[in-house]
Amino acid sequence: MQTAQSENGHWKDMTQNNEPPFWVQAVFKNNFRTFLGILTIYGLFIAPMGTYVMYADESVWPRQLLSERGVYILVMISYVGRILSASVELWICFNYARYVISKDGDHYNKEKAT
């Protein structure tokens, strides 16, 4: 099996023929400086820590600054962002795997023809 790197020169070139869905474009637009981009980055970094804070006892400093409801709301928003970031990650991985498999099939067909 060959890699996409050996064919193109860079793994990001795989999207030249395949336009990303609108929601992926919305996340990456303007270097994540859109509502969906900020929500994605927020969820990516805050969801794990927020989950810990939500289930920790009252001695954790964010729990002392915010009410229990405030912590809950912020963590739920971070879960939405984390789901969005996971969906973008899955789309990128699926697209890359599809690209590598198609290139491997092309390579196999060339070897079979000769």
PDB file of N, CA and C in Angstrom:
ATOM      1  N   MET A   1       0.849  -1.183   0.000  1.00  0.00           N
ATOM      2  CA  MET A   1       0.000   0.000   0.000  1.00  0.00           C
ATOM      3  C   MET A   1       0.888   1.237   0.000  1.00  0.00           C
ATOM      4  N   GLN A   2       0.599   2.151  -0.837  1.00  0.00           N
ATOM      5  CA  GLN A   2       1.383   3.370  -0.885  1.00  0.00           C
ATOM      6  C   GLN A   2       0.655   4.480  -0.145  1.00  0.00           C
ATOM      7  N   THR A   3       1.371   5.514   0.184  1.00  0.00           N
ATOM      8  CA  THR A   3       0.743   6.620   0.898  1.00  0.00           C
ATOM      9  C   THR A   3       0.430   7.748  -0.059  1.00  0.00           C
ATOM     10  N   ALA A   4      -0.487   8.591   0.349  1.00  0.00           N
ATOM     11  CA  ALA A   4      -0.831   9.755  -0.468  1.00  0.00           C
ATOM     12  C   ALA A   4       0.337  10.724  -0.535  1.00  0.00           C
ATOM     13  N   GLN A   5       1.165  10.712   0.465  1.00  0.00           N
ATOM     14  CA  GLN A   5       2.325  11.613   0.497  1.00  0.00           C
ATOM     15  C   GLN A   5       3.238  11.364  -0.695  1.00  0.00           C
ATOM     16  N   SER A   6       3.441  10.104  -1.067  1.00  0.00           N
ATOM     17  CA  SER A   6       4.351   9.792  -2.157  1.00  0.00           C
ATOM     18  C   SER A   6       3.800  10.225  -3.505  1.00  0.00           C
ATOM     19  N   GLU A   7       2.501  10.359  -3.636  1.00  0.00           N
ATOM     20  CA  GLU A   7       1.894  10.750  -4.896  1.00  0.00           C
ATOM     21  C   GLU A   7       1.883  12.263  -5.109  1.00  0.00           C
ATOM     22  N   ASN A   8       1.392  12.997  -4.137  1.00  0.00           N
ATOM     23  CA  ASN A   8       1.127  14.421  -4.318  1.00  0.00           C
ATOM     24  C   ASN A   8       2.226  15.334  -3.824  1.00  0.00           C
ATOM     25  N   GLY A   9       2.835  15.016  -2.752  1.00  0.00           N
ATOM     26  CA  GLY A   9       3.799  15.912  -2.151  1.00  0.00           C
ATOM     27  C   GLY A   9       3.288  16.491  -0.851  1.00  0.00           C
ATOM     28  N   HIS A  10       1.978  16.603  -0.669  1.00  0.00           N
ATOM     29  CA  HIS A  10       1.433  17.107   0.583  1.00  0.00           C
ATOM     30  C   HIS A  10       0.035  16.544   0.787  1.00  0.00           C
ATOM     31  N   TRP A  11      -0.257  16.154   2.019  1.00  0.00           N
ATOM     32  CA  TRP A  11      -1.542  15.512   2.297  1.00  0.00           C
ATOM     33  C   TRP A  11      -2.719  16.459   2.144  1.00  0.00           C
ATOM     34  N   LYS A  12      -2.510  17.768   2.283  1.00  0.00           N
ATOM     35  CA  LYS A  12      -3.615  18.714   2.152  1.00  0.00           C
ATOM     36  C   LYS A  12      -4.076  18.879   0.712  1.00  0.00           C
ATOM     37  N   ASP A  13      -3.253  18.449  -0.243  1.00  0.00           N
ATOM     38  CA  ASP A  13      -3.628  18.561  -1.647  1.00  0.00           C
ATOM     39  C   ASP A  13      -4.766  17.632  -2.031  1.00  0.00           C
ATOM     40  N   MET A  14      -5.141  16.727  -1.156  1.00  0.00           N
ATOM     41  CA  MET A  14      -6.202  15.777  -1.466  1.00  0.00           C
ATOM     42  C   MET A  14      -7.548  16.460  -1.622  1.00  0.00           C
ATOM     43  N   THR A  15      -7.717  17.668  -1.096  1.00  0.00           N
ATOM     44  CA  THR A  15      -9.017  18.338  -1.160  1.00  0.00           C
ATOM     45  C   THR A  15      -9.180  19.183  -2.413  1.00  0.00           C
ATOM     46  N   GLN A  16      -8.221  19.158  -3.313  1.00  0.00           N
ATOM     47  CA  GLN A  16      -8.342  19.963  -4.523  1.00  0.00           C
ATOM     48  C   GLN A  16      -9.546  19.547  -5.356  1.00  0.00           C
ATOM     49  N   ASN A  17      -9.799  18.259  -5.456  1.00  0.00           N
ATOM     50  CA  ASN A  17     -10.919  17.767  -6.251  1.00  0.00           C
ATOM     51  C   ASN A  17     -12.169  17.548  -5.424  1.00  0.00           C
ATOM     52  N   ASN A  18     -12.064  17.670  -4.122  1.00  0.00           N
ATOM     53  CA  ASN A  18     -13.188  17.384  -3.240  1.00  0.00           C
ATOM     54  C   ASN A  18     -13.447  18.591  -2.354  1.00  0.00           C
ATOM     55  N   GLU A  19     -14.480  19.322  -2.643  1.00  0.00           N
ATOM     56  CA  GLU A  19     -14.843  20.512  -1.883  1.00  0.00           C
ATOM     57  C   GLU A  19     -15.394  20.100  -0.517  1.00  0.00           C
ATOM     58  N   PRO A  20     -14.881  20.672   0.567  1.00  0.00           N
ATOM     59  CA  PRO A  20     -15.411  20.331   1.891  1.00  0.00           C
ATOM     60  C   PRO A  20     -16.866  20.777   2.042  1.00  0.00           C
ATOM     61  N   PRO A  21     -17.636  20.115   2.900  1.00  0.00           N
ATOM     62  CA  PRO A  21     -19.016  20.542   3.151  1.00  0.00           C
ATOM     63  C   PRO A  21     -19.048  21.950   3.747  1.00  0.00           C
ATOM     64  N   PHE A  22     -20.196  22.574   3.674  1.00  0.00           N
ATOM     65  CA  PHE A  22     -20.323  23.964   4.127  1.00  0.00           C
ATOM     66  C   PHE A  22     -19.975  24.119   5.600  1.00  0.00           C
ATOM     67  N   TRP A  23     -20.313  23.138   6.434  1.00  0.00           N
ATOM     68  CA  TRP A  23     -20.047  23.261   7.870  1.00  0.00           C
ATOM     69  C   TRP A  23     -18.561  23.142   8.167  1.00  0.00           C
ATOM     70  N   VAL A  24     -17.806  22.377   7.372  1.00  0.00           N
ATOM     71  CA  VAL A  24     -16.358  22.310   7.546  1.00  0.00           C
ATOM     72  C   VAL A  24     -15.737  23.635   7.107  1.00  0.00           C
ATOM     73  N   GLN A  25     -16.199  24.167   5.990  1.00  0.00           N
ATOM     74  CA  GLN A  25     -15.709  25.466   5.527  1.00  0.00           C
ATOM     75  C   GLN A  25     -16.016  26.567   6.535  1.00  0.00           C
ATOM     76  N   ALA A  26     -17.193  26.498   7.158  1.00  0.00           N
ATOM     77  CA  ALA A  26     -17.579  27.517   8.136  1.00  0.00           C
ATOM     78  C   ALA A  26     -16.686  27.477   9.370  1.00  0.00           C
ATOM     79  N   VAL A  27     -16.242  26.294   9.762  1.00  0.00           N
ATOM     80  CA  VAL A  27     -15.352  26.182  10.920  1.00  0.00           C
ATOM     81  C   VAL A  27     -13.984  26.761  10.602  1.00  0.00           C
ATOM     82  N   PHE A  28     -13.442  26.430   9.431  1.00  0.00           N
ATOM     83  CA  PHE A  28     -12.093  26.861   9.075  1.00  0.00           C
ATOM     84  C   PHE A  28     -12.028  28.282   8.521  1.00  0.00           C
ATOM     85  N   LYS A  29     -13.162  28.865   8.182  1.00  0.00           N
ATOM     86  CA  LYS A  29     -13.190  30.177   7.549  1.00  0.00           C
ATOM     87  C   LYS A  29     -12.507  31.234   8.423  1.00  0.00           C
ATOM     88  N   ASN A  30     -11.704  32.061   7.789  1.00  0.00           N
ATOM     89  CA  ASN A  30     -11.039  33.185   8.454  1.00  0.00           C
ATOM     90  C   ASN A  30     -10.215  32.718   9.663  1.00  0.00           C
ATOM     91  N   ASN A  31      -9.541  31.587   9.519  1.00  0.00           N
ATOM     92  CA  ASN A  31      -8.690  31.043  10.588  1.00  0.00           C
ATOM     93  C   ASN A  31      -9.439  30.873  11.911  1.00  0.00           C
ATOM     94  N   PHE A  32     -10.591  30.244  11.852  1.00  0.00           N
ATOM     95  CA  PHE A  32     -11.439  29.956  13.020  1.00  0.00           C
ATOM     96  C   PHE A  32     -12.019  31.220  13.660  1.00  0.00           C
ATOM     97  N   ARG A  33     -11.997  32.342  12.979  1.00  0.00           N
ATOM     98  CA  ARG A  33     -12.511  33.583  13.553  1.00  0.00           C
ATOM     99  C   ARG A  33     -13.957  33.833  13.126  1.00  0.00           C
ATOM    100  N   THR A  34     -14.743  32.788  13.206  1.00  0.00           N
ATOM    101  CA  THR A  34     -16.182  32.877  12.993  1.00  0.00           C
ATOM    102  C   THR A  34     -16.854  32.271  14.218  1.00  0.00           C
ATOM    103  N   PHE A  35     -18.166  32.400  14.284  1.00  0.00           N
ATOM    104  CA  PHE A  35     -18.879  31.852  15.434  1.00  0.00           C
ATOM    105  C   PHE A  35     -18.634  30.341  15.560  1.00  0.00           C
ATOM    106  N   LEU A  36     -18.776  29.617  14.447  1.00  0.00           N
ATOM    107  CA  LEU A  36     -18.574  28.170  14.511  1.00  0.00           C
ATOM    108  C   LEU A  36     -17.119  27.809  14.787  1.00  0.00           C
ATOM    109  N   GLY A  37     -16.184  28.589  14.276  1.00  0.00           N
ATOM    110  CA  GLY A  37     -14.773  28.327  14.551  1.00  0.00           C
ATOM    111  C   GLY A  37     -14.438  28.518  16.020  1.00  0.00           C
ATOM    112  N   ILE A  38     -14.936  29.592  16.600  1.00  0.00           N
ATOM    113  CA  ILE A  38     -14.694  29.855  18.021  1.00  0.00           C
ATOM    114  C   ILE A  38     -15.377  28.792  18.882  1.00  0.00           C
ATOM    115  N   LEU A  39     -16.596  28.426  18.516  1.00  0.00           N
ATOM    116  CA  LEU A  39     -17.304  27.380  19.258  1.00  0.00           C
ATOM    117  C   LEU A  39     -16.553  26.052  19.193  1.00  0.00           C
ATOM    118  N   THR A  40     -15.993  25.740  18.035  1.00  0.00           N
ATOM    119  CA  THR A  40     -15.237  24.500  17.873  1.00  0.00           C
ATOM    120  C   THR A  40     -13.988  24.490  18.738  1.00  0.00           C
ATOM    121  N   ILE A  41     -13.222  25.561  18.708  1.00  0.00           N
ATOM    122  CA  ILE A  41     -12.006  25.640  19.512  1.00  0.00           C
ATOM    123  C   ILE A  41     -12.354  25.641  21.001  1.00  0.00           C
ATOM    124  N   TYR A  42     -13.405  26.363  21.371  1.00  0.00           N
ATOM    125  CA  TYR A  42     -13.860  26.377  22.761  1.00  0.00           C
ATOM    126  C   TYR A  42     -14.204  24.960  23.228  1.00  0.00           C
ATOM    127  N   GLY A  43     -14.965  24.235  22.424  1.00  0.00           N
ATOM    128  CA  GLY A  43     -15.342  22.876  22.796  1.00  0.00           C
ATOM    129  C   GLY A  43     -14.162  21.928  22.840  1.00  0.00           C
ATOM    130  N   LEU A  44     -13.225  22.119  21.926  1.00  0.00           N
ATOM    131  CA  LEU A  44     -12.056  21.245  21.875  1.00  0.00           C
ATOM    132  C   LEU A  44     -11.221  21.351  23.141  1.00  0.00           C
ATOM    133  N   PHE A  45     -11.074  22.556  23.668  1.00  0.00           N
ATOM    134  CA  PHE A  45     -10.210  22.757  24.829  1.00  0.00           C
ATOM    135  C   PHE A  45     -10.955  22.765  26.164  1.00  0.00           C
ATOM    136  N   ILE A  46     -12.192  23.201  26.188  1.00  0.00           N
ATOM    137  CA  ILE A  46     -12.901  23.388  27.452  1.00  0.00           C
ATOM    138  C   ILE A  46     -13.707  22.158  27.866  1.00  0.00           C
ATOM    139  N   ALA A  47     -14.182  21.358  26.925  1.00  0.00           N
ATOM    140  CA  ALA A  47     -15.038  20.220  27.287  1.00  0.00           C
ATOM    141  C   ALA A  47     -14.384  19.257  28.280  1.00  0.00           C
ATOM    142  N   PRO A  48     -13.133  18.843  28.080  1.00  0.00           N
ATOM    143  CA  PRO A  48     -12.545  17.928  29.074  1.00  0.00           C
ATOM    144  C   PRO A  48     -12.374  18.575  30.452  1.00  0.00           C
ATOM    145  N   MET A  49     -11.837  19.793  30.462  1.00  0.00           N
ATOM    146  CA  MET A  49     -11.627  20.473  31.741  1.00  0.00           C
ATOM    147  C   MET A  49     -12.974  20.836  32.382  1.00  0.00           C
ATOM    148  N   GLY A  50     -13.913  21.241  31.557  1.00  0.00           N
ATOM    149  CA  GLY A  50     -15.226  21.600  32.068  1.00  0.00           C
ATOM    150  C   GLY A  50     -15.954  20.428  32.698  1.00  0.00           C
ATOM    151  N   THR A  51     -15.777  19.258  32.128  1.00  0.00           N
ATOM    152  CA  THR A  51     -16.387  18.060  32.703  1.00  0.00           C
ATOM    153  C   THR A  51     -15.807  17.779  34.083  1.00  0.00           C
ATOM    154  N   TYR A  52     -14.494  17.937  34.199  1.00  0.00           N
ATOM    155  CA  TYR A  52     -13.864  17.750  35.510  1.00  0.00           C
ATOM    156  C   TYR A  52     -14.405  18.768  36.517  1.00  0.00           C
ATOM    157  N   VAL A  53     -14.477  20.018  36.109  1.00  0.00           N
ATOM    158  CA  VAL A  53     -14.955  21.071  37.012  1.00  0.00           C
ATOM    159  C   VAL A  53     -16.404  20.816  37.407  1.00  0.00           C
ATOM    160  N   MET A  54     -17.209  20.344  36.461  1.00  0.00           N
ATOM    161  CA  MET A  54     -18.626  20.134  36.750  1.00  0.00           C
ATOM    162  C   MET A  54     -18.826  19.037  37.798  1.00  0.00           C
ATOM    163  N   TYR A  55     -17.980  18.013  37.779  1.00  0.00           N
ATOM    164  CA  TYR A  55     -18.150  16.907  38.720  1.00  0.00           C
ATOM    165  C   TYR A  55     -17.233  16.991  39.937  1.00  0.00           C
ATOM    166  N   ALA A  56     -16.385  18.013  40.000  1.00  0.00           N
ATOM    167  CA  ALA A  56     -15.486  18.173  41.139  1.00  0.00           C
ATOM    168  C   ALA A  56     -16.245  18.769  42.327  1.00  0.00           C
ATOM    169  N   ASP A  57     -15.601  18.724  43.476  1.00  0.00           N
ATOM    170  CA  ASP A  57     -16.241  19.312  44.650  1.00  0.00           C
ATOM    171  C   ASP A  57     -16.084  20.838  44.617  1.00  0.00           C
ATOM    172  N   GLU A  58     -16.604  21.498  45.626  1.00  0.00           N
ATOM    173  CA  GLU A  58     -16.638  22.964  45.655  1.00  0.00           C
ATOM    174  C   GLU A  58     -15.269  23.609  45.837  1.00  0.00           C
ATOM    175  N   SER A  59     -14.223  22.845  46.105  1.00  0.00           N
ATOM    176  CA  SER A  59     -12.907  23.438  46.341  1.00  0.00           C
ATOM    177  C   SER A  59     -12.208  23.846  45.051  1.00  0.00           C
ATOM    178  N   VAL A  60     -12.693  23.411  43.889  1.00  0.00           N
ATOM    179  CA  VAL A  60     -12.095  23.799  42.608  1.00  0.00           C
ATOM    180  C   VAL A  60     -12.473  25.247  42.339  1.00  0.00           C
ATOM    181  N   TRP A  61     -11.488  26.070  41.970  1.00  0.00           N
ATOM    182  CA  TRP A  61     -11.724  27.523  41.907  1.00  0.00           C
ATOM    183  C   TRP A  61     -12.790  27.959  40.914  1.00  0.00           C
ATOM    184  N   PRO A  62     -13.000  27.316  39.745  1.00  0.00           N
ATOM    185  CA  PRO A  62     -14.109  27.781  38.894  1.00  0.00           C
ATOM    186  C   PRO A  62     -15.469  27.600  39.553  1.00  0.00           C
ATOM    187  N   ARG A  63     -15.592  26.577  40.393  1.00  0.00           N
ATOM    188  CA  ARG A  63     -16.861  26.361  41.085  1.00  0.00           C
ATOM    189  C   ARG A  63     -17.094  27.432  42.136  1.00  0.00           C
ATOM    190  N   GLN A  64     -16.019  28.050  42.641  1.00  0.00           N
ATOM    191  CA  GLN A  64     -16.159  29.123  43.621  1.00  0.00           C
ATOM    192  C   GLN A  64     -16.543  30.435  42.938  1.00  0.00           C
ATOM    193  N   LEU A  65     -16.145  30.596  41.661  1.00  0.00           N
ATOM    194  CA  LEU A  65     -16.432  31.840  40.940  1.00  0.00           C
ATOM    195  C   LEU A  65     -17.812  31.848  40.294  1.00  0.00           C
ATOM    196  N   LEU A  66     -18.265  30.697  39.838  1.00  0.00           N
ATOM    197  CA  LEU A  66     -19.526  30.607  39.103  1.00  0.00           C
ATOM    198  C   LEU A  66     -20.533  29.773  39.868  1.00  0.00           C
ATOM    199  N   SER A  67     -21.785  30.030  39.596  1.00  0.00           N
ATOM    200  CA  SER A  67     -22.824  29.202  40.201  1.00  0.00           C
ATOM    201  C   SER A  67     -22.825  27.826  39.537  1.00  0.00           C
ATOM    202  N   GLU A  68     -23.487  26.905  40.152  1.00  0.00           N
ATOM    203  CA  GLU A  68     -23.561  25.551  39.593  1.00  0.00           C
ATOM    204  C   GLU A  68     -24.254  25.567  38.235  1.00  0.00           C
ATOM    205  N   ARG A  69     -25.264  26.388  38.117  1.00  0.00           N
ATOM    206  CA  ARG A  69     -25.971  26.503  36.841  1.00  0.00           C
ATOM    207  C   ARG A  69     -25.088  27.139  35.770  1.00  0.00           C
ATOM    208  N   GLY A  70     -24.294  28.134  36.140  1.00  0.00           N
ATOM    209  CA  GLY A  70     -23.381  28.777  35.194  1.00  0.00           C
ATOM    210  C   GLY A  70     -22.343  27.806  34.663  1.00  0.00           C
ATOM    211  N   VAL A  71     -21.775  26.996  35.541  1.00  0.00           N
ATOM    212  CA  VAL A  71     -20.807  25.974  35.131  1.00  0.00           C
ATOM    213  C   VAL A  71     -21.488  24.976  34.194  1.00  0.00           C
ATOM    214  N   TYR A  72     -22.682  24.557  34.544  1.00  0.00           N
ATOM    215  CA  TYR A  72     -23.426  23.590  33.727  1.00  0.00           C
ATOM    216  C   TYR A  72     -23.676  24.135  32.321  1.00  0.00           C
ATOM    217  N   ILE A  73     -24.106  25.391  32.213  1.00  0.00           N
ATOM    218  CA  ILE A  73     -24.387  25.992  30.905  1.00  0.00           C
ATOM    219  C   ILE A  73     -23.117  26.093  30.070  1.00  0.00           C
ATOM    220  N   LEU A  74     -22.016  26.556  30.670  1.00  0.00           N
ATOM    221  CA  LEU A  74     -20.761  26.676  29.930  1.00  0.00           C
ATOM    222  C   LEU A  74     -20.238  25.319  29.459  1.00  0.00           C
ATOM    223  N   VAL A  75     -20.395  24.306  30.272  1.00  0.00           N
ATOM    224  CA  VAL A  75     -19.940  22.968  29.889  1.00  0.00           C
ATOM    225  C   VAL A  75     -20.825  22.395  28.783  1.00  0.00           C
ATOM    226  N   MET A  76     -22.122  22.610  28.842  1.00  0.00           N
ATOM    227  CA  MET A  76     -23.007  22.118  27.788  1.00  0.00           C
ATOM    228  C   MET A  76     -22.700  22.798  26.449  1.00  0.00           C
ATOM    229  N   ILE A  77     -22.389  24.085  26.483  1.00  0.00           N
ATOM    230  CA  ILE A  77     -21.974  24.783  25.256  1.00  0.00           C
ATOM    231  C   ILE A  77     -20.672  24.189  24.733  1.00  0.00           C
ATOM    232  N   SER A  78     -19.757  23.859  25.633  1.00  0.00           N
ATOM    233  CA  SER A  78     -18.491  23.261  25.192  1.00  0.00           C
ATOM    234  C   SER A  78     -18.718  21.881  24.578  1.00  0.00           C
ATOM    235  N   TYR A  79     -19.721  21.143  25.053  1.00  0.00           N
ATOM    236  CA  TYR A  79     -20.026  19.840  24.451  1.00  0.00           C
ATOM    237  C   TYR A  79     -20.506  20.000  23.006  1.00  0.00           C
ATOM    238  N   VAL A  80     -21.275  21.036  22.752  1.00  0.00           N
ATOM    239  CA  VAL A  80     -21.717  21.302  21.375  1.00  0.00           C
ATOM    240  C   VAL A  80     -20.504  21.581  20.487  1.00  0.00           C
ATOM    241  N   GLY A  81     -19.583  22.397  20.991  1.00  0.00           N
ATOM    242  CA  GLY A  81     -18.364  22.672  20.236  1.00  0.00           C
ATOM    243  C   GLY A  81     -17.507  21.438  20.044  1.00  0.00           C
ATOM    244  N   ARG A  82     -17.457  20.568  21.044  1.00  0.00           N
ATOM    245  CA  ARG A  82     -16.644  19.350  20.921  1.00  0.00           C
ATOM    246  C   ARG A  82     -17.252  18.388  19.914  1.00  0.00           C
ATOM    247  N   ILE A  83     -18.571  18.306  19.868  1.00  0.00           N
ATOM    248  CA  ILE A  83     -19.233  17.479  18.860  1.00  0.00           C
ATOM    249  C   ILE A  83     -18.944  18.023  17.466  1.00  0.00           C
ATOM    250  N   LEU A  84     -18.970  19.337  17.320  1.00  0.00           N
ATOM    251  CA  LEU A  84     -18.652  19.950  16.034  1.00  0.00           C
ATOM    252  C   LEU A  84     -17.206  19.674  15.629  1.00  0.00           C
ATOM    253  N   SER A  85     -16.274  19.808  16.572  1.00  0.00           N
ATOM    254  CA  SER A  85     -14.877  19.543  16.241  1.00  0.00           C
ATOM    255  C   SER A  85     -14.657  18.067  15.918  1.00  0.00           C
ATOM    256  N   ALA A  86     -15.344  17.178  16.614  1.00  0.00           N
ATOM    257  CA  ALA A  86     -15.222  15.749  16.312  1.00  0.00           C
ATOM    258  C   ALA A  86     -15.774  15.432  14.929  1.00  0.00           C
ATOM    259  N   SER A  87     -16.854  16.089  14.546  1.00  0.00           N
ATOM    260  CA  SER A  87     -17.409  15.839  13.212  1.00  0.00           C
ATOM    261  C   SER A  87     -16.468  16.331  12.116  1.00  0.00           C
ATOM    262  N   VAL A  88     -15.790  17.464  12.345  1.00  0.00           N
ATOM    263  CA  VAL A  88     -14.810  17.952  11.372  1.00  0.00           C
ATOM    264  C   VAL A  88     -13.627  16.983  11.308  1.00  0.00           C
ATOM    265  N   GLU A  89     -13.155  16.532  12.452  1.00  0.00           N
ATOM    266  CA  GLU A  89     -12.041  15.568  12.480  1.00  0.00           C
ATOM    267  C   GLU A  89     -12.415  14.283  11.745  1.00  0.00           C
ATOM    268  N   LEU A  90     -13.618  13.777  11.978  1.00  0.00           N
ATOM    269  CA  LEU A  90     -14.056  12.559  11.305  1.00  0.00           C
ATOM    270  C   LEU A  90     -14.168  12.760   9.801  1.00  0.00           C
ATOM    271  N   TRP A  91     -14.672  13.915   9.368  1.00  0.00           N
ATOM    272  CA  TRP A  91     -14.758  14.179   7.934  1.00  0.00           C
ATOM    273  C   TRP A  91     -13.371  14.202   7.309  1.00  0.00           C
ATOM    274  N   ILE A  92     -12.410  14.848   7.965  1.00  0.00           N
ATOM    275  CA  ILE A  92     -11.046  14.921   7.430  1.00  0.00           C
ATOM    276  C   ILE A  92     -10.430  13.523   7.362  1.00  0.00           C
ATOM    277  N   CYS A  93     -10.571  12.730   8.416  1.00  0.00           N
ATOM    278  CA  CYS A  93     -10.004  11.371   8.424  1.00  0.00           C
ATOM    279  C   CYS A  93     -10.669  10.487   7.373  1.00  0.00           C
ATOM    280  N   PHE A  94     -11.992  10.559   7.257  1.00  0.00           N
ATOM    281  CA  PHE A  94     -12.706   9.756   6.270  1.00  0.00           C
ATOM    282  C   PHE A  94     -12.292  10.154   4.860  1.00  0.00           C
ATOM    283  N   ASN A  95     -12.199  11.447   4.604  1.00  0.00           N
ATOM    284  CA  ASN A  95     -11.812  11.945   3.290  1.00  0.00           C
ATOM    285  C   ASN A  95     -10.392  11.510   2.943  1.00  0.00           C
ATOM    286  N   TYR A  96      -9.494  11.572   3.907  1.00  0.00           N
ATOM    287  CA  TYR A  96      -8.114  11.163   3.679  1.00  0.00           C
ATOM    288  C   TYR A  96      -8.027   9.655   3.425  1.00  0.00           C
ATOM    289  N   ALA A  97      -8.747   8.863   4.202  1.00  0.00           N
ATOM    290  CA  ALA A  97      -8.743   7.412   4.003  1.00  0.00           C
ATOM    291  C   ALA A  97      -9.303   7.058   2.626  1.00  0.00           C
ATOM    292  N   ARG A  98     -10.359   7.725   2.222  1.00  0.00           N
ATOM    293  CA  ARG A  98     -10.939   7.489   0.896  1.00  0.00           C
ATOM    294  C   ARG A  98      -9.941   7.841  -0.199  1.00  0.00           C
ATOM    295  N   TYR A  99      -9.208   8.929  -0.009  1.00  0.00           N
ATOM    296  CA  TYR A  99      -8.195   9.356  -0.975  1.00  0.00           C
ATOM    297  C   TYR A  99      -7.068   8.331  -1.070  1.00  0.00           C
ATOM    298  N   VAL A 100      -6.561   7.858   0.074  1.00  0.00           N
ATOM    299  CA  VAL A 100      -5.467   6.890   0.070  1.00  0.00           C
ATOM    300  C   VAL A 100      -5.917   5.581  -0.572  1.00  0.00           C
ATOM    301  N   ILE A 101      -7.137   5.142  -0.272  1.00  0.00           N
ATOM    302  CA  ILE A 101      -7.649   3.903  -0.857  1.00  0.00           C
ATOM    303  C   ILE A 101      -7.801   4.047  -2.366  1.00  0.00           C
ATOM    304  N   SER A 102      -8.288   5.190  -2.823  1.00  0.00           N
ATOM    305  CA  SER A 102      -8.434   5.379  -4.271  1.00  0.00           C
ATOM    306  C   SER A 102      -7.075   5.414  -4.961  1.00  0.00           C
ATOM    307  N   LYS A 103      -6.085   6.051  -4.340  1.00  0.00           N
ATOM    308  CA  LYS A 103      -4.735   6.072  -4.914  1.00  0.00           C
ATOM    309  C   LYS A 103      -4.121   4.681  -4.915  1.00  0.00           C
ATOM    310  N   ASP A 104      -4.385   3.911  -3.877  1.00  0.00           N
ATOM    311  CA  ASP A 104      -3.873   2.552  -3.821  1.00  0.00           C
ATOM    312  C   ASP A 104      -4.533   1.695  -4.900  1.00  0.00           C
ATOM    313  N   GLY A 105      -5.821   1.898  -5.130  1.00  0.00           N
ATOM    314  CA  GLY A 105      -6.516   1.176  -6.194  1.00  0.00           C
ATOM    315  C   GLY A 105      -5.971   1.547  -7.565  1.00  0.00           C
ATOM    316  N   ASP A 106      -5.665   2.837  -7.768  1.00  0.00           N
ATOM    317  CA  ASP A 106      -5.060   3.270  -9.033  1.00  0.00           C
ATOM    318  C   ASP A 106      -3.711   2.597  -9.229  1.00  0.00           C
ATOM    319  N   HIS A 107      -2.916   2.530  -8.166  1.00  0.00           N
ATOM    320  CA  HIS A 107      -1.595   1.909  -8.223  1.00  0.00           C
ATOM    321  C   HIS A 107      -1.729   0.412  -8.532  1.00  0.00           C
ATOM    322  N   TYR A 108      -2.709  -0.233  -7.903  1.00  0.00           N
ATOM    323  CA  TYR A 108      -2.941  -1.665  -8.141  1.00  0.00           C
ATOM    324  C   TYR A 108      -3.362  -1.904  -9.587  1.00  0.00           C
ATOM    325  N   ASN A 109      -4.241  -1.051 -10.119  1.00  0.00           N
ATOM    326  CA  ASN A 109      -4.710  -1.213 -11.499  1.00  0.00           C
ATOM    327  C   ASN A 109      -3.582  -0.995 -12.492  1.00  0.00           C
ATOM    328  N   LYS A 110      -2.658  -0.066 -12.213  1.00  0.00           N
ATOM    329  CA  LYS A 110      -1.518   0.170 -13.094  1.00  0.00           C
ATOM    330  C   LYS A 110      -0.599  -1.052 -13.108  1.00  0.00           C
ATOM    331  N   GLU A 111      -0.368  -1.650 -11.930  1.00  0.00           N
ATOM    332  CA  GLU A 111       0.488  -2.833 -11.852  1.00  0.00           C
ATOM    333  C   GLU A 111      -0.166  -4.008 -12.554  1.00  0.00           C
ATOM    334  N   LYS A 112      -1.472  -4.135 -12.446  1.00  0.00           N
ATOM    335  CA  LYS A 112      -2.190  -5.244 -13.041  1.00  0.00           C
ATOM    336  C   LYS A 112      -2.207  -5.119 -14.568  1.00  0.00           C
ATOM    337  N   ALA A 113      -2.257  -3.888 -15.073  1.00  0.00           N
ATOM    338  CA  ALA A 113      -2.302  -3.664 -16.519  1.00  0.00           C
ATOM    339  C   ALA A 113      -0.962  -3.977 -17.190  1.00  0.00           C
ATOM    340  N   THR A 114       0.123  -3.842 -16.440  1.00  0.00           N
ATOM    341  CA  THR A 114       1.446  -4.108 -17.049  1.00  0.00           C
ATOM    342  C   THR A 114       1.866  -5.532 -16.945  1.00  0.00           C
TER     343      THR A 114
END
